[in-house]
Amino acid sequence: MLTINKLIPGGRGLASVLIKRGAQVELDWDVRQKSRFDAVDSLGRTLGVFLARGTAVRGGDVLVAEDGSLIRVQAAPQAVLVVRACAEHGSPFDLLRAAYHLGNRHVALELKPDHLKLEPDHVLADMLRAQHLIVSEALEAFEPEGGAYASAEAAHGHAHGHSHAHGHSHGHAHDHPDQHDAKPGLVAAGHVHGPDCAHGHHDHNHNHAHDH
């Protein structure tokens, strides 16, 4: 096993030719958020990574092995939910509101100018669709914001099984007004979705039976 205890964020200060000559290792966010893990690089070597606690590894970072060899990290494609604003039935502000409420729930969230990414969670997906947001599934690299992950232990607790999201019997903002936030939650108040309302479906085809 090749021991690694040093990381160079983004490979800063290293010549690109050196990085390209080195091995690569492809890791999803579930692994990269940990400071200690095992992996196998593109040369077939087993890596034992031991970084400072609280360190999260990002795509583009370079791991430095004890023998001086460099291993470039690639963010592996993984299942994610991609959330976009609906121009027909909503506005870009809906995306900002969703980011705020998801952040209050400490959901691992990647922010982009025109969309959000989060790990699959059907409860949160339904909530977002109820807010006239378009939610689709994809296989993409996932690089969530780092603010909610002050420590590796905290990150690890949110990444597996989404216990925080599922632990309320699917009742975010419905049955627990005293939990997380007392302000209006992700579910639009007073908006009733009938059987013909397309917001309840995964394809979000906008065939609404009523006007908004």
Protein backbone atom coordinates (compact mmCIF):
# COMPACT_ATOMS: atom_id res chain seq x y z
CA MET A 1 0.00 0.00 0.00
CA LEU A 2 1.24 3.46 -0.93
CA THR A 3 0.75 5.89 1.96
CA ILE A 4 -0.43 9.43 1.26
CA ASN A 5 -0.54 12.17 3.86
CA LYS A 6 -0.25 15.32 1.76
CA LEU A 7 -2.67 17.07 -0.58
CA ILE A 8 -2.02 20.00 -2.93
CA PRO A 9 -5.36 21.78 -3.62
CA GLY A 10 -5.84 22.08 -7.35
CA GLY A 11 -2.23 21.07 -7.91
CA ARG A 12 -1.21 24.68 -7.27
CA GLY A 13 2.46 25.35 -7.88
CA LEU A 14 3.00 22.14 -9.82
CA ALA A 15 3.94 22.08 -13.48
CA SER A 16 1.07 20.73 -15.56
CA VAL A 17 3.42 18.31 -17.31
CA LEU A 18 4.28 16.70 -13.97
CA ILE A 19 0.62 16.30 -13.08
CA LYS A 20 -0.21 14.76 -16.46
CA ARG A 21 2.62 12.25 -16.14
CA GLY A 22 1.36 11.06 -12.78
CA ALA A 23 -1.31 8.50 -12.01
CA GLN A 24 -4.96 9.34 -11.53
CA VAL A 25 -7.59 8.22 -9.08
CA GLU A 26 -11.32 8.62 -9.66
CA LEU A 27 -13.40 9.13 -6.51
CA ASP A 28 -17.00 10.06 -5.84
CA TRP A 29 -18.04 12.56 -3.17
CA ASP A 30 -18.85 9.83 -0.67
CA VAL A 31 -15.12 9.01 -0.56
CA ARG A 32 -13.67 12.46 -1.21
CA GLN A 33 -15.38 14.00 1.80
CA LYS A 34 -13.40 11.71 4.12
CA SER A 35 -9.91 12.48 5.33
CA ARG A 36 -8.95 8.79 5.58
CA PHE A 37 -9.75 6.21 2.92
CA ASP A 38 -8.30 3.52 0.66
CA ALA A 39 -8.41 3.68 -3.12
CA VAL A 40 -6.79 2.20 -6.23
CA ASP A 41 -5.14 4.51 -8.76
CA SER A 42 -4.87 4.18 -12.53
CA LEU A 43 -1.62 2.22 -12.17
CA GLY A 44 -3.34 -0.39 -10.02
CA ARG A 45 -1.64 0.70 -6.81
CA THR A 46 -3.54 0.60 -3.53
CA LEU A 47 -3.50 4.01 -1.85
CA GLY A 48 -3.83 4.54 1.87
CA VAL A 49 -4.85 8.18 2.30
CA PHE A 50 -4.34 9.77 5.72
CA LEU A 51 -5.02 13.50 5.61
CA ALA A 52 -5.67 16.04 8.35
CA ARG A 53 -9.11 15.55 9.88
CA GLY A 54 -11.71 17.74 8.23
CA THR A 55 -9.97 17.68 4.85
CA ALA A 56 -12.21 17.16 1.83
CA VAL A 57 -10.62 16.11 -1.45
CA ARG A 58 -11.80 17.91 -4.58
CA GLY A 59 -11.56 17.05 -8.23
CA GLY A 60 -8.30 18.50 -9.56
CA ASP A 61 -6.45 18.14 -6.25
CA VAL A 62 -3.14 16.30 -6.25
CA LEU A 63 -2.23 13.68 -3.66
CA VAL A 64 1.44 13.33 -2.79
CA ALA A 65 2.61 9.84 -1.83
CA GLU A 66 5.37 9.10 0.65
CA ASP A 67 7.70 8.19 -2.22
CA GLY A 68 7.09 11.58 -3.85
CA SER A 69 4.81 10.35 -6.63
CA LEU A 70 1.82 12.47 -7.60
CA ILE A 71 -1.74 11.22 -8.03
CA ARG A 72 -4.30 13.53 -9.60
CA VAL A 73 -7.85 13.26 -8.27
CA GLN A 74 -10.81 13.16 -10.61
CA ALA A 75 -14.35 13.64 -9.38
CA ALA A 76 -16.19 10.49 -10.47
CA PRO A 77 -19.63 10.84 -12.06
CA GLN A 78 -22.35 9.84 -9.60
CA ALA A 79 -26.11 9.94 -9.27
CA VAL A 80 -27.32 13.47 -8.53
CA LEU A 81 -30.48 15.54 -8.74
CA VAL A 82 -30.19 18.60 -10.96
CA VAL A 83 -32.58 21.41 -10.00
CA ARG A 84 -33.47 24.23 -12.38
CA ALA A 85 -35.96 27.08 -12.32
CA CYS A 86 -39.11 26.70 -14.39
CA ALA A 87 -39.43 29.70 -16.70
CA GLU A 88 -43.07 28.90 -17.48
CA HIS A 89 -44.44 28.46 -13.96
CA GLY A 90 -41.86 30.12 -11.73
CA SER A 91 -38.85 32.41 -11.68
CA PRO A 92 -35.08 32.26 -11.02
CA PHE A 93 -35.83 33.40 -7.47
CA ASP A 94 -37.35 29.96 -6.80
CA LEU A 95 -33.88 28.48 -7.16
CA LEU A 96 -32.44 30.95 -4.65
CA ARG A 97 -35.20 30.17 -2.16
CA ALA A 98 -34.60 26.43 -2.58
CA ALA A 99 -30.86 26.86 -1.96
CA TYR A 100 -31.62 28.78 1.23
CA HIS A 101 -33.96 26.14 2.66
CA LEU A 102 -31.77 23.22 1.62
CA GLY A 103 -28.83 24.96 3.25
CA ASN A 104 -30.81 25.28 6.48
CA ARG A 105 -31.18 21.51 6.40
CA HIS A 106 -27.42 21.05 5.90
CA VAL A 107 -27.98 19.28 2.61
CA ALA A 108 -24.79 18.82 0.59
CA LEU A 109 -25.41 21.23 -2.27
CA GLU A 110 -23.47 22.26 -5.35
CA LEU A 111 -24.29 25.76 -6.55
CA LYS A 112 -24.19 26.73 -10.20
CA PRO A 113 -25.35 29.98 -11.84
CA ASP A 114 -28.44 28.34 -13.33
CA HIS A 115 -28.94 25.14 -11.33
CA LEU A 116 -28.32 23.25 -8.10
CA LYS A 117 -27.06 19.73 -7.54
CA LEU A 118 -27.75 17.46 -4.61
CA GLU A 119 -27.58 13.78 -3.83
CA PRO A 120 -30.70 11.74 -4.68
CA ASP A 121 -33.50 12.10 -2.15
CA HIS A 122 -37.07 11.52 -3.29
CA VAL A 123 -38.57 13.52 -0.40
CA LEU A 124 -36.55 16.61 -1.22
CA ALA A 125 -37.20 16.08 -4.93
CA ASP A 126 -40.95 16.14 -4.34
CA MET A 127 -40.64 19.29 -2.22
CA LEU A 128 -38.66 21.06 -4.91
CA ARG A 129 -41.15 20.08 -7.61
CA ALA A 130 -43.93 21.49 -5.43
CA GLN A 131 -42.09 24.81 -5.62
CA HIS A 132 -42.36 24.77 -9.45
CA LEU A 133 -38.73 23.73 -9.86
CA ILE A 134 -37.61 21.25 -12.50
CA VAL A 135 -35.83 18.27 -10.92
CA SER A 136 -34.05 15.72 -13.08
CA GLU A 137 -31.70 12.81 -12.43
CA ALA A 138 -28.19 12.74 -13.86
CA LEU A 139 -24.78 11.09 -13.57
CA GLU A 140 -22.32 13.92 -13.03
CA ALA A 141 -19.38 14.94 -10.88
CA PHE A 142 -20.55 16.34 -7.55
CA GLU A 143 -18.66 19.16 -5.82
CA PRO A 144 -20.84 20.55 -3.02
CA GLU A 145 -20.08 23.77 -1.20
CA GLY A 146 -17.70 23.29 1.70
CA GLY A 147 -19.33 25.53 4.30
CA ALA A 148 -21.63 22.85 5.70
CA TYR A 149 -18.74 20.45 6.17
CA ALA A 150 -16.58 21.84 8.94
CA SER A 151 -15.36 18.36 9.77
CA ALA A 152 -15.06 15.01 8.05
CA GLU A 153 -17.30 13.46 10.67
CA ALA A 154 -20.07 15.96 10.00
CA ALA A 155 -19.77 15.45 6.27
CA HIS A 156 -19.82 11.69 6.64
CA GLY A 157 -23.00 11.84 8.68
CA HIS A 158 -24.90 13.73 5.98
CA ALA A 159 -23.70 11.76 3.00
CA HIS A 160 -24.94 8.30 3.90
CA GLY A 161 -28.61 7.52 3.64
CA HIS A 162 -29.67 11.15 4.06
CA SER A 163 -30.83 10.38 7.57
CA HIS A 164 -31.60 14.03 8.21
CA ALA A 165 -33.92 14.26 5.26
CA HIS A 166 -35.73 11.00 5.94
CA GLY A 167 -35.82 11.18 9.70
CA HIS A 168 -38.95 13.27 9.87
CA SER A 169 -41.37 10.76 8.36
CA HIS A 170 -41.38 12.79 5.15
CA GLY A 171 -42.72 15.80 6.98
CA HIS A 172 -40.38 18.68 6.25
CA ALA A 173 -42.21 21.94 6.82
CA HIS A 174 -45.54 20.07 7.03
CA ASP A 175 -45.67 18.37 10.42
CA HIS A 176 -42.74 19.94 12.26
CA PRO A 177 -43.11 23.72 12.19
CA ASP A 178 -40.76 23.95 15.17
CA GLN A 179 -37.92 22.12 13.43
CA HIS A 180 -35.27 23.57 11.12
CA ASP A 181 -37.08 26.81 10.33
CA ALA A 182 -40.32 28.43 11.35
CA LYS A 183 -40.50 30.33 8.07
CA PRO A 184 -42.38 28.93 5.07
CA GLY A 185 -40.59 25.80 3.92
CA LEU A 186 -40.03 24.26 0.58
CA VAL A 187 -43.70 23.41 0.10
CA ALA A 188 -45.78 26.24 -1.27
CA ALA A 189 -48.52 27.13 1.18
CA GLY A 190 -52.05 27.01 -0.15
CA HIS A 191 -51.08 25.41 -3.45
CA VAL A 192 -53.11 22.26 -4.00
CA HIS A 193 -51.94 19.81 -6.64
CA GLY A 194 -54.72 17.83 -8.22
CA PRO A 195 -54.44 14.59 -10.16
CA ASP A 196 -53.86 16.45 -13.41
CA CYS A 197 -51.12 18.72 -12.08
CA ALA A 198 -47.81 17.85 -13.71
CA HIS A 199 -45.66 19.07 -10.81
CA GLY A 200 -46.13 15.73 -9.11
CA HIS A 201 -44.47 13.86 -11.96
CA HIS A 202 -40.78 13.36 -12.58
CA ASP A 203 -40.80 14.63 -16.14
CA HIS A 204 -42.29 18.00 -15.11
CA ASN A 205 -44.19 18.39 -18.37
CA HIS A 206 -46.12 21.47 -17.22
CA ASN A 207 -49.56 20.11 -18.16
CA HIS A 208 -51.27 21.96 -15.34
CA ALA A 209 -54.98 21.71 -14.82
CA HIS A 210 -55.03 25.16 -13.27
CA ASP A 211 -53.39 28.54 -13.80
CA HIS A 212 -50.70 29.88 -11.51
